[in-house]
PDB file of N, CA and C in Angstrom:
ATOM      1  N   UNK A   1     -19.457-238.458-113.098  1.00  0.00           N
ATOM      2  CA  UNK A   1     -20.010-237.050-112.794  1.00  0.00           C
ATOM      3  C   UNK A   1     -19.254-236.288-112.185  1.00  0.00           C
ATOM      4  N   UNK A   2     -18.332-236.778-111.145  1.00  0.00           N
ATOM      5  CA  UNK A   2     -17.433-235.832-110.386  1.00  0.00           C
ATOM      6  C   UNK A   2     -16.522-235.034-111.030  1.00  0.00           C
ATOM      7  N   UNK A   3     -15.940-235.841-112.041  1.00  0.00           N
ATOM      8  CA  UNK A   3     -14.887-235.299-112.920  1.00  0.00           C
ATOM      9  C   UNK A   3     -15.597-234.268-113.811  1.00  0.00           C
ATOM     10  N   UNK A   4     -16.747-234.268-114.232  1.00  0.00           N
ATOM     11  CA  UNK A   4     -17.382-233.345-115.060  1.00  0.00           C
ATOM     12  C   UNK A   4     -17.692-231.991-114.227  1.00  0.00           C
ATOM     13  N   UNK A   5     -17.994-232.273-112.928  1.00  0.00           N
ATOM     14  CA  UNK A   5     -18.257-230.948-112.127  1.00  0.00           C
ATOM     15  C   UNK A   5     -16.946-230.244-111.883  1.00  0.00           C
ATOM     16  N   UNK A   6     -15.814-231.100-111.564  1.00  0.00           N
ATOM     17  CA  UNK A   6     -14.650-230.387-111.538  1.00  0.00           C
ATOM     18  C   UNK A   6     -14.039-229.836-112.835  1.00  0.00           C
ATOM     19  N   UNK A   7     -14.100-230.544-113.746  1.00  0.00           N
ATOM     20  CA  UNK A   7     -13.975-229.852-115.063  1.00  0.00           C
ATOM     21  C   UNK A   7     -14.569-228.489-115.249  1.00  0.00           C
ATOM     22  N   UNK A   8     -15.850-228.482-115.194  1.00  0.00           N
ATOM     23  CA  UNK A   8     -16.649-227.278-115.448  1.00  0.00           C
ATOM     24  C   UNK A   8     -16.200-226.091-114.452  1.00  0.00           C
ATOM     25  N   UNK A   9     -16.068-226.439-113.091  1.00  0.00           N
ATOM     26  CA  UNK A   9     -15.390-225.583-112.055  1.00  0.00           C
ATOM     27  C   UNK A   9     -14.250-224.835-112.567  1.00  0.00           C
ATOM     28  N   UNK A  10     -13.204-225.823-113.159  1.00  0.00           N
ATOM     29  CA  UNK A  10     -11.739-225.157-113.416  1.00  0.00           C
ATOM     30  C   UNK A  10     -11.988-224.381-114.847  1.00  0.00           C
ATOM     31  N   UNK A  11     -12.871-224.682-115.639  1.00  0.00           N
ATOM     32  CA  UNK A  11     -13.211-224.263-116.761  1.00  0.00           C
ATOM     33  C   UNK A  11     -13.862-222.815-116.440  1.00  0.00           C
ATOM     34  N   UNK A  12     -14.559-222.603-115.496  1.00  0.00           N
ATOM     35  CA  UNK A  12     -15.198-221.366-115.142  1.00  0.00           C
ATOM     36  C   UNK A  12     -14.001-220.324-114.542  1.00  0.00           C
ATOM     37  N   UNK A  13     -13.486-220.918-113.646  1.00  0.00           N
ATOM     38  CA  UNK A  13     -12.168-220.113-113.101  1.00  0.00           C
ATOM     39  C   UNK A  13     -11.287-219.648-113.985  1.00  0.00           C
ATOM     40  N   UNK A  14     -10.833-220.699-115.181  1.00  0.00           N
ATOM     41  CA  UNK A  14      -9.979-220.382-116.038  1.00  0.00           C
ATOM     42  C   UNK A  14     -10.422-219.283-117.034  1.00  0.00           C
ATOM     43  N   UNK A  15     -11.733-219.466-117.211  1.00  0.00           N
ATOM     44  CA  UNK A  15     -12.373-218.615-118.460  1.00  0.00           C
ATOM     45  C   UNK A  15     -12.459-217.022-117.942  1.00  0.00           C
ATOM     46  N   UNK A  16     -12.809-217.087-116.544  1.00  0.00           N
ATOM     47  CA  UNK A  16     -13.047-215.844-115.711  1.00  0.00           C
ATOM     48  C   UNK A  16     -11.715-215.043-115.757  1.00  0.00           C
ATOM     49  N   UNK A  17     -10.645-216.015-115.460  1.00  0.00           N
ATOM     50  CA  UNK A  17      -9.292-215.248-115.264  1.00  0.00           C
ATOM     51  C   UNK A  17      -8.855-214.696-116.737  1.00  0.00           C
ATOM     52  N   UNK A  18      -9.152-215.649-117.941  1.00  0.00           N
ATOM     53  CA  UNK A  18      -8.702-215.236-119.095  1.00  0.00           C
ATOM     54  C   UNK A  18      -9.432-213.931-119.582  1.00  0.00           C
ATOM     55  N   UNK A  19     -10.717-213.971-119.237  1.00  0.00           N
ATOM     56  CA  UNK A  19     -11.702-212.853-119.443  1.00  0.00           C
ATOM     57  C   UNK A  19     -11.109-211.549-118.820  1.00  0.00           C
ATOM     58  N   UNK A  20     -10.902-211.586-117.585  1.00  0.00           N
ATOM     59  CA  UNK A  20     -10.353-210.369-116.942  1.00  0.00           C
ATOM     60  C   UNK A  20      -8.957-209.722-117.515  1.00  0.00           C
ATOM     61  N   UNK A  21      -8.089-210.773-117.669  1.00  0.00           N
ATOM     62  CA  UNK A  21      -6.833-210.578-118.228  1.00  0.00           C
ATOM     63  C   UNK A  21      -6.818-209.934-119.668  1.00  0.00           C
ATOM     64  N   UNK A  22      -7.832-210.596-120.515  1.00  0.00           N
ATOM     65  CA  UNK A  22      -8.028-210.241-121.874  1.00  0.00           C
ATOM     66  C   UNK A  22      -8.670-208.843-121.888  1.00  0.00           C
ATOM     67  N   UNK A  23      -9.568-208.587-121.071  1.00  0.00           N
ATOM     68  CA  UNK A  23     -10.271-207.267-121.219  1.00  0.00           C
ATOM     69  C   UNK A  23      -9.467-206.084-120.789  1.00  0.00           C
ATOM     70  N   UNK A  24      -8.407-206.288-119.681  1.00  0.00           N
ATOM     71  CA  UNK A  24      -7.520-205.230-119.582  1.00  0.00           C
ATOM     72  C   UNK A  24      -6.554-205.126-120.672  1.00  0.00           C
ATOM     73  N   UNK A  25      -6.167-206.205-121.059  1.00  0.00           N
ATOM     74  CA  UNK A  25      -4.942-206.346-122.267  1.00  0.00           C
ATOM     75  C   UNK A  25      -5.628-205.728-123.538  1.00  0.00           C
ATOM     76  N   UNK A  26      -6.814-206.025-123.738  1.00  0.00           N
ATOM     77  CA  UNK A  26      -7.387-205.549-125.152  1.00  0.00           C
ATOM     78  C   UNK A  26      -7.704-203.995-124.927  1.00  0.00           C
ATOM     79  N   UNK A  27      -8.184-203.607-123.853  1.00  0.00           N
ATOM     80  CA  UNK A  27      -8.624-202.307-123.537  1.00  0.00           C
ATOM     81  C   UNK A  27      -7.189-201.329-123.705  1.00  0.00           C
ATOM     82  N   UNK A  28      -6.221-201.709-123.252  1.00  0.00           N
ATOM     83  CA  UNK A  28      -4.813-201.124-123.264  1.00  0.00           C
ATOM     84  C   UNK A  28      -4.451-200.910-124.786  1.00  0.00           C
ATOM     85  N   UNK A  29      -4.399-202.007-125.468  1.00  0.00           N
ATOM     86  CA  UNK A  29      -3.950-202.060-126.746  1.00  0.00           C
ATOM     87  C   UNK A  29      -5.118-201.747-127.859  1.00  0.00           C
ATOM     88  N   UNK A  30      -6.431-201.280-127.401  1.00  0.00           N
ATOM     89  CA  UNK A  30      -7.459-201.082-128.302  1.00  0.00           C
ATOM     90  C   UNK A  30      -7.726-202.071-129.209  1.00  0.00           C
ATOM     91  N   UNK A  31      -7.806-203.323-128.823  1.00  0.00           N
ATOM     92  CA  UNK A  31      -8.317-204.481-129.794  1.00  0.00           C
ATOM     93  C   UNK A  31      -9.547-204.754-129.468  1.00  0.00           C
ATOM     94  N   UNK A  32     -10.097-205.569-130.550  1.00  0.00           N
ATOM     95  CA  UNK A  32     -11.688-206.061-130.239  1.00  0.00           C
ATOM     96  C   UNK A  32     -11.647-207.016-128.985  1.00  0.00           C
ATOM     97  N   UNK A  33     -12.845-206.606-128.153  1.00  0.00           N
ATOM     98  CA  UNK A  33     -12.706-207.399-126.882  1.00  0.00           C
ATOM     99  C   UNK A  33     -13.682-208.544-127.369  1.00  0.00           C
ATOM    100  N   UNK A  34     -13.432-209.546-126.525  1.00  0.00           N
ATOM    101  CA  UNK A  34     -14.382-210.885-126.565  1.00  0.00           C
ATOM    102  C   UNK A  34     -15.347-210.792-125.357  1.00  0.00           C
ATOM    103  N   UNK A  35     -16.643-211.401-125.371  1.00  0.00           N
ATOM    104  CA  UNK A  35     -17.465-211.518-124.296  1.00  0.00           C
ATOM    105  C   UNK A  35     -17.050-212.515-123.302  1.00  0.00           C
ATOM    106  N   UNK A  36     -17.536-212.424-122.182  1.00  0.00           N
ATOM    107  CA  UNK A  36     -17.453-213.487-121.097  1.00  0.00           C
ATOM    108  C   UNK A  36     -17.715-214.939-121.679  1.00  0.00           C
ATOM    109  N   UNK A  37     -18.748-214.894-122.221  1.00  0.00           N
ATOM    110  CA  UNK A  37     -19.343-216.184-122.865  1.00  0.00           C
ATOM    111  C   UNK A  37     -18.412-216.738-123.818  1.00  0.00           C
ATOM    112  N   UNK A  38     -17.625-216.006-124.538  1.00  0.00           N
ATOM    113  CA  UNK A  38     -16.594-216.467-125.575  1.00  0.00           C
ATOM    114  C   UNK A  38     -15.632-216.985-124.884  1.00  0.00           C
ATOM    115  N   UNK A  39     -15.033-216.353-123.879  1.00  0.00           N
ATOM    116  CA  UNK A  39     -13.952-216.976-123.175  1.00  0.00           C
ATOM    117  C   UNK A  39     -14.411-218.236-122.303  1.00  0.00           C
ATOM    118  N   UNK A  40     -15.401-218.303-121.782  1.00  0.00           N
ATOM    119  CA  UNK A  40     -15.823-219.690-121.384  1.00  0.00           C
ATOM    120  C   UNK A  40     -16.060-220.837-122.219  1.00  0.00           C
ATOM    121  N   UNK A  41     -16.802-220.561-123.452  1.00  0.00           N
ATOM    122  CA  UNK A  41     -17.306-221.294-124.341  1.00  0.00           C
ATOM    123  C   UNK A  41     -16.570-221.591-125.584  1.00  0.00           C
ATOM    124  N   UNK A  42     -15.791-220.523-125.938  1.00  0.00           N
ATOM    125  CA  UNK A  42     -15.182-220.554-127.262  1.00  0.00           C
ATOM    126  C   UNK A  42     -15.768-219.401-128.116  1.00  0.00           C
ATOM    127  N   UNK A  43     -15.095-218.940-129.283  1.00  0.00           N
ATOM    128  CA  UNK A  43     -15.645-217.978-130.044  1.00  0.00           C
ATOM    129  C   UNK A  43     -16.971-218.286-130.686  1.00  0.00           C
ATOM    130  N   UNK A  44     -17.755-217.380-131.180  1.00  0.00           N
ATOM    131  CA  UNK A  44     -19.066-217.598-131.633  1.00  0.00           C
ATOM    132  C   UNK A  44     -18.881-217.942-133.174  1.00  0.00           C
ATOM    133  N   UNK A  45     -17.812-218.070-133.808  1.00  0.00           N
ATOM    134  CA  UNK A  45     -17.557-218.270-135.048  1.00  0.00           C
ATOM    135  C   UNK A  45     -18.233-219.838-135.331  1.00  0.00           C
ATOM    136  N   UNK A  46     -18.843-219.892-136.699  1.00  0.00           N
ATOM    137  CA  UNK A  46     -19.443-221.261-137.211  1.00  0.00           C
ATOM    138  C   UNK A  46     -18.214-222.112-137.491  1.00  0.00           C
ATOM    139  N   UNK A  47     -17.344-221.619-137.880  1.00  0.00           N
ATOM    140  CA  UNK A  47     -16.025-222.505-138.557  1.00  0.00           C
ATOM    141  C   UNK A  47     -15.100-222.663-137.536  1.00  0.00           C
ATOM    142  N   UNK A  48     -15.204-222.576-136.269  1.00  0.00           N
ATOM    143  CA  UNK A  48     -14.394-222.765-135.135  1.00  0.00           C
ATOM    144  C   UNK A  48     -13.743-224.047-135.126  1.00  0.00           C
ATOM    145  N   UNK A  49     -12.495-224.293-135.055  1.00  0.00           N
ATOM    146  CA  UNK A  49     -11.899-225.673-135.168  1.00  0.00           C
ATOM    147  C   UNK A  49     -11.425-226.258-133.999  1.00  0.00           C
ATOM    148  N   UNK A  50     -11.264-225.427-132.785  1.00  0.00           N
ATOM    149  CA  UNK A  50     -10.450-226.010-131.690  1.00  0.00           C
ATOM    150  C   UNK A  50     -11.234-225.858-130.204  1.00  0.00           C
ATOM    151  N   UNK A  51     -12.412-226.256-130.472  1.00  0.00           N
ATOM    152  CA  UNK A  51     -13.267-226.195-129.149  1.00  0.00           C
ATOM    153  C   UNK A  51     -12.784-226.976-128.067  1.00  0.00           C
ATOM    154  N   UNK A  52     -12.076-228.096-128.222  1.00  0.00           N
ATOM    155  CA  UNK A  52     -11.646-229.013-126.999  1.00  0.00           C
ATOM    156  C   UNK A  52     -10.379-228.151-126.652  1.00  0.00           C
ATOM    157  N   UNK A  53      -9.503-227.613-127.282  1.00  0.00           N
ATOM    158  CA  UNK A  53      -8.330-226.932-126.867  1.00  0.00           C
ATOM    159  C   UNK A  53      -8.509-225.617-125.905  1.00  0.00           C
ATOM    160  N   UNK A  54      -9.663-225.110-126.376  1.00  0.00           N
ATOM    161  CA  UNK A  54     -10.208-223.843-125.691  1.00  0.00           C
ATOM    162  C   UNK A  54     -10.458-224.241-124.259  1.00  0.00           C
ATOM    163  N   UNK A  55     -11.355-225.148-124.121  1.00  0.00           N
ATOM    164  CA  UNK A  55     -11.777-225.740-122.851  1.00  0.00           C
ATOM    165  C   UNK A  55     -10.366-226.132-121.833  1.00  0.00           C
ATOM    166  N   UNK A  56      -9.785-226.997-122.627  1.00  0.00           N
ATOM    167  CA  UNK A  56      -8.372-227.461-121.824  1.00  0.00           C
ATOM    168  C   UNK A  56      -7.533-226.422-121.478  1.00  0.00           C
ATOM    169  N   UNK A  57      -7.539-225.287-122.034  1.00  0.00           N
ATOM    170  CA  UNK A  57      -6.700-223.938-121.764  1.00  0.00           C
ATOM    171  C   UNK A  57      -7.406-223.426-120.609  1.00  0.00           C
ATOM    172  N   UNK A  58      -8.589-223.300-120.556  1.00  0.00           N
ATOM    173  CA  UNK A  58      -9.352-222.847-119.289  1.00  0.00           C
ATOM    174  C   UNK A  58      -9.233-223.532-118.289  1.00  0.00           C
ATOM    175  N   UNK A  59      -9.032-225.080-118.329  1.00  0.00           N
ATOM    176  CA  UNK A  59      -8.940-225.793-117.228  1.00  0.00           C
ATOM    177  C   UNK A  59      -7.480-225.852-116.720  1.00  0.00           C
ATOM    178  N   UNK A  60      -6.624-225.622-117.261  1.00  0.00           N
ATOM    179  CA  UNK A  60      -5.280-225.617-116.829  1.00  0.00           C
ATOM    180  C   UNK A  60      -5.012-224.276-116.112  1.00  0.00           C
ATOM    181  N   UNK A  61      -5.350-223.173-116.801  1.00  0.00           N
ATOM    182  CA  UNK A  61      -5.431-222.001-116.213  1.00  0.00           C
ATOM    183  C   UNK A  61      -6.211-222.129-114.759  1.00  0.00           C
ATOM    184  N   UNK A  62      -7.251-222.537-114.814  1.00  0.00           N
ATOM    185  CA  UNK A  62      -8.046-222.603-113.712  1.00  0.00           C
ATOM    186  C   UNK A  62      -7.569-223.338-112.342  1.00  0.00           C
ATOM    187  N   UNK A  63      -6.892-224.413-112.791  1.00  0.00           N
ATOM    188  CA  UNK A  63      -6.229-225.231-111.799  1.00  0.00           C
ATOM    189  C   UNK A  63      -4.948-224.431-111.165  1.00  0.00           C
ATOM    190  N   UNK A  64      -4.355-223.833-112.119  1.00  0.00           N
ATOM    191  CA  UNK A  64      -3.055-223.171-111.579  1.00  0.00           C
ATOM    192  C   UNK A  64      -3.485-221.901-110.717  1.00  0.00           C
ATOM    193  N   UNK A  65      -4.534-221.187-111.173  1.00  0.00           N
ATOM    194  CA  UNK A  65      -5.010-219.941-110.398  1.00  0.00           C
ATOM    195  C   UNK A  65      -5.586-220.628-108.917  1.00  0.00           C
ATOM    196  N   UNK A  66      -6.362-221.725-109.033  1.00  0.00           N
ATOM    197  CA  UNK A  66      -7.031-222.208-107.766  1.00  0.00           C
ATOM    198  C   UNK A  66      -5.879-222.651-106.885  1.00  0.00           C
ATOM    199  N   UNK A  67      -5.007-223.438-107.184  1.00  0.00           N
ATOM    200  CA  UNK A  67      -3.988-224.027-106.211  1.00  0.00           C
ATOM    201  C   UNK A  67      -2.874-223.007-105.853  1.00  0.00           C
ATOM    202  N   UNK A  68      -2.921-221.873-106.816  1.00  0.00           N
ATOM    203  CA  UNK A  68      -1.732-220.758-106.308  1.00  0.00           C
ATOM    204  C   UNK A  68      -2.255-219.553-105.609  1.00  0.00           C
ATOM    205  N   UNK A  69      -3.481-219.267-105.793  1.00  0.00           N
ATOM    206  CA  UNK A  69      -4.280-218.098-105.102  1.00  0.00           C
ATOM    207  C   UNK A  69      -5.232-218.486-104.197  1.00  0.00           C
ATOM    208  N   UNK A  70      -6.230-219.275-104.655  1.00  0.00           N
ATOM    209  CA  UNK A  70      -7.538-219.534-103.965  1.00  0.00           C
ATOM    210  C   UNK A  70      -7.088-220.403-102.684  1.00  0.00           C
ATOM    211  N   UNK A  71      -6.522-221.261-102.816  1.00  0.00           N
ATOM    212  CA  UNK A  71      -6.151-222.142-101.561  1.00  0.00           C
ATOM    213  C   UNK A  71      -5.354-221.423-100.484  1.00  0.00           C
ATOM    214  N   UNK A  72      -4.189-220.990-100.920  1.00  0.00           N
ATOM    215  CA  UNK A  72      -3.583-220.166 -99.954  1.00  0.00           C
ATOM    216  C   UNK A  72      -4.432-219.067 -99.271  1.00  0.00           C
ATOM    217  N   UNK A  73      -5.140-218.388-100.084  1.00  0.00           N
ATOM    218  CA  UNK A  73      -5.947-217.288 -99.485  1.00  0.00           C
ATOM    219  C   UNK A  73      -7.034-218.189 -98.577  1.00  0.00           C
ATOM    220  N   UNK A  74      -7.632-218.930 -98.768  1.00  0.00           N
ATOM    221  CA  UNK A  74      -8.577-219.751 -98.044  1.00  0.00           C
ATOM    222  C   UNK A  74      -7.706-220.235 -96.590  1.00  0.00           C
ATOM    223  N   UNK A  75      -6.412-220.730 -96.607  1.00  0.00           N
ATOM    224  CA  UNK A  75      -5.637-221.014 -95.650  1.00  0.00           C
ATOM    225  C   UNK A  75      -5.374-219.857 -94.791  1.00  0.00           C
ATOM    226  N   UNK A  76      -5.010-218.764 -95.190  1.00  0.00           N
ATOM    227  CA  UNK A  76      -4.780-217.641 -94.634  1.00  0.00           C
ATOM    228  C   UNK A  76      -6.011-217.081 -93.711  1.00  0.00           C
ATOM    229  N   UNK A  77      -7.159-217.047 -94.312  1.00  0.00           N
ATOM    230  CA  UNK A  77      -8.454-216.704 -93.882  1.00  0.00           C
ATOM    231  C   UNK A  77      -8.816-217.703 -92.601  1.00  0.00           C
ATOM    232  N   UNK A  78      -8.587-218.910 -92.760  1.00  0.00           N
ATOM    233  CA  UNK A  78      -8.885-219.921 -91.842  1.00  0.00           C
ATOM    234  C   UNK A  78      -7.965-219.834 -90.867  1.00  0.00           C
ATOM    235  N   UNK A  79      -6.865-219.608 -90.917  1.00  0.00           N
ATOM    236  CA  UNK A  79      -5.828-219.424 -89.651  1.00  0.00           C
ATOM    237  C   UNK A  79      -5.939-218.090 -89.082  1.00  0.00           C
ATOM    238  N   UNK A  80      -6.514-217.114 -89.679  1.00  0.00           N
ATOM    239  CA  UNK A  80      -6.834-215.767 -88.931  1.00  0.00           C
ATOM    240  C   UNK A  80      -7.974-216.033 -88.085  1.00  0.00           C
ATOM    241  N   UNK A  81      -9.043-216.630 -88.523  1.00  0.00           N
ATOM    242  CA  UNK A  81     -10.183-216.632 -87.539  1.00  0.00           C
ATOM    243  C   UNK A  81      -9.914-217.986 -86.634  1.00  0.00           C
ATOM    244  N   UNK A  82      -9.197-218.824 -86.641  1.00  0.00           N
ATOM    245  CA  UNK A  82      -8.924-220.104 -85.881  1.00  0.00           C
ATOM    246  C   UNK A  82      -8.183-219.460 -84.744  1.00  0.00           C
ATOM    247  N   UNK A  83      -7.197-218.729 -84.900  1.00  0.00           N
ATOM    248  CA  UNK A  83      -6.127-218.303 -83.857  1.00  0.00           C
ATOM    249  C   UNK A  83      -6.438-216.840 -83.329  1.00  0.00           C
ATOM    250  N   UNK A  84      -7.631-216.425 -83.640  1.00  0.00           N
ATOM    251  CA  UNK A  84      -8.010-214.981 -83.075  1.00  0.00           C
ATOM    252  C   UNK A  84      -8.376-214.922 -81.747  1.00  0.00           C
TER     253      UNK A  84
END
Protein backbone atom coordinates (compact mmCIF):
# COMPACT_ATOMS: atom_id res chain seq x y z
CA UNK A 1 0.00 0.00 0.00
CA UNK A 2 2.80 2.42 0.88
CA UNK A 3 4.68 1.86 -2.37
CA UNK A 4 1.46 2.49 -4.30
CA UNK A 5 1.01 5.88 -2.61
CA UNK A 6 4.65 6.84 -3.17
CA UNK A 7 4.38 5.77 -6.82
CA UNK A 8 1.22 7.85 -7.34
CA UNK A 9 2.91 10.81 -5.62
CA UNK A 10 5.95 10.67 -7.91
CA UNK A 11 3.67 10.04 -10.90
CA UNK A 12 1.80 13.25 -10.09
CA UNK A 13 4.96 15.33 -9.60
CA UNK A 14 6.53 13.94 -12.78
CA UNK A 15 3.34 14.38 -14.80
CA UNK A 16 2.96 17.94 -13.57
CA UNK A 17 6.58 18.72 -14.45
CA UNK A 18 6.15 17.19 -17.91
CA UNK A 19 2.90 19.11 -18.41
CA UNK A 20 4.52 22.45 -17.49
CA UNK A 21 7.53 21.81 -19.71
CA UNK A 22 5.40 20.43 -22.56
CA UNK A 23 2.96 23.33 -22.45
CA UNK A 24 5.74 25.89 -22.78
CA UNK A 25 7.62 23.87 -25.39
CA UNK A 26 4.55 23.15 -27.51
CA UNK A 27 3.34 26.76 -27.29
CA UNK A 28 6.66 28.07 -28.56
CA UNK A 29 6.79 25.54 -31.40
CA UNK A 30 3.03 25.81 -32.11
CA UNK A 31 2.41 22.09 -31.78
CA UNK A 32 -0.67 20.27 -30.54
CA UNK A 33 -0.88 20.45 -26.75
CA UNK A 34 -1.82 17.55 -24.52
CA UNK A 35 -4.09 17.92 -21.52
CA UNK A 36 -2.89 17.61 -17.94
CA UNK A 37 -4.85 14.35 -17.66
CA UNK A 38 -2.94 12.90 -20.64
CA UNK A 39 0.41 13.71 -19.04
CA UNK A 40 -0.66 11.96 -15.82
CA UNK A 41 -2.44 8.93 -17.30
CA UNK A 42 -1.23 8.66 -20.90
CA UNK A 43 -2.79 9.68 -24.22
CA UNK A 44 -6.53 9.24 -24.86
CA UNK A 45 -5.91 6.92 -27.80
CA UNK A 46 -7.61 3.53 -27.86
CA UNK A 47 -4.59 1.90 -29.48
CA UNK A 48 -2.11 3.16 -26.87
CA UNK A 49 0.68 0.62 -26.43
CA UNK A 50 3.00 1.96 -23.74
CA UNK A 51 0.86 2.64 -20.69
CA UNK A 52 3.39 1.21 -18.25
CA UNK A 53 6.33 3.15 -19.70
CA UNK A 54 4.45 6.43 -19.48
CA UNK A 55 3.91 6.06 -15.73
CA UNK A 56 7.51 4.96 -15.24
CA UNK A 57 8.75 8.12 -16.97
CA UNK A 58 6.55 10.21 -14.69
CA UNK A 59 7.85 8.44 -11.59
CA UNK A 60 11.50 8.86 -12.59
CA UNK A 61 11.05 12.55 -13.42
CA UNK A 62 9.03 13.03 -10.23
CA UNK A 63 11.75 11.46 -8.07
CA UNK A 64 14.45 13.58 -9.73
CA UNK A 65 12.44 16.78 -9.26
CA UNK A 66 11.56 15.88 -5.69
CA UNK A 67 15.10 15.12 -4.59
CA UNK A 68 16.82 17.96 -6.48
CA UNK A 69 14.34 20.81 -5.99
CA UNK A 70 11.69 20.19 -3.36
CA UNK A 71 13.82 18.62 -0.59
CA UNK A 72 16.52 21.33 -0.74
CA UNK A 73 13.79 23.99 -0.81
CA UNK A 74 12.17 22.53 2.30
CA UNK A 75 15.58 22.48 4.03
CA UNK A 76 16.24 26.13 3.14
CA UNK A 77 12.84 27.19 4.47
CA UNK A 78 13.27 25.07 7.60
CA UNK A 79 16.71 26.56 8.31
CA UNK A 80 15.38 30.06 7.72
CA UNK A 81 12.65 29.70 10.33
CA UNK A 82 14.73 27.65 12.74
CA UNK A 83 17.58 30.18 13.03
CA UNK A 84 15.53 33.32 12.81
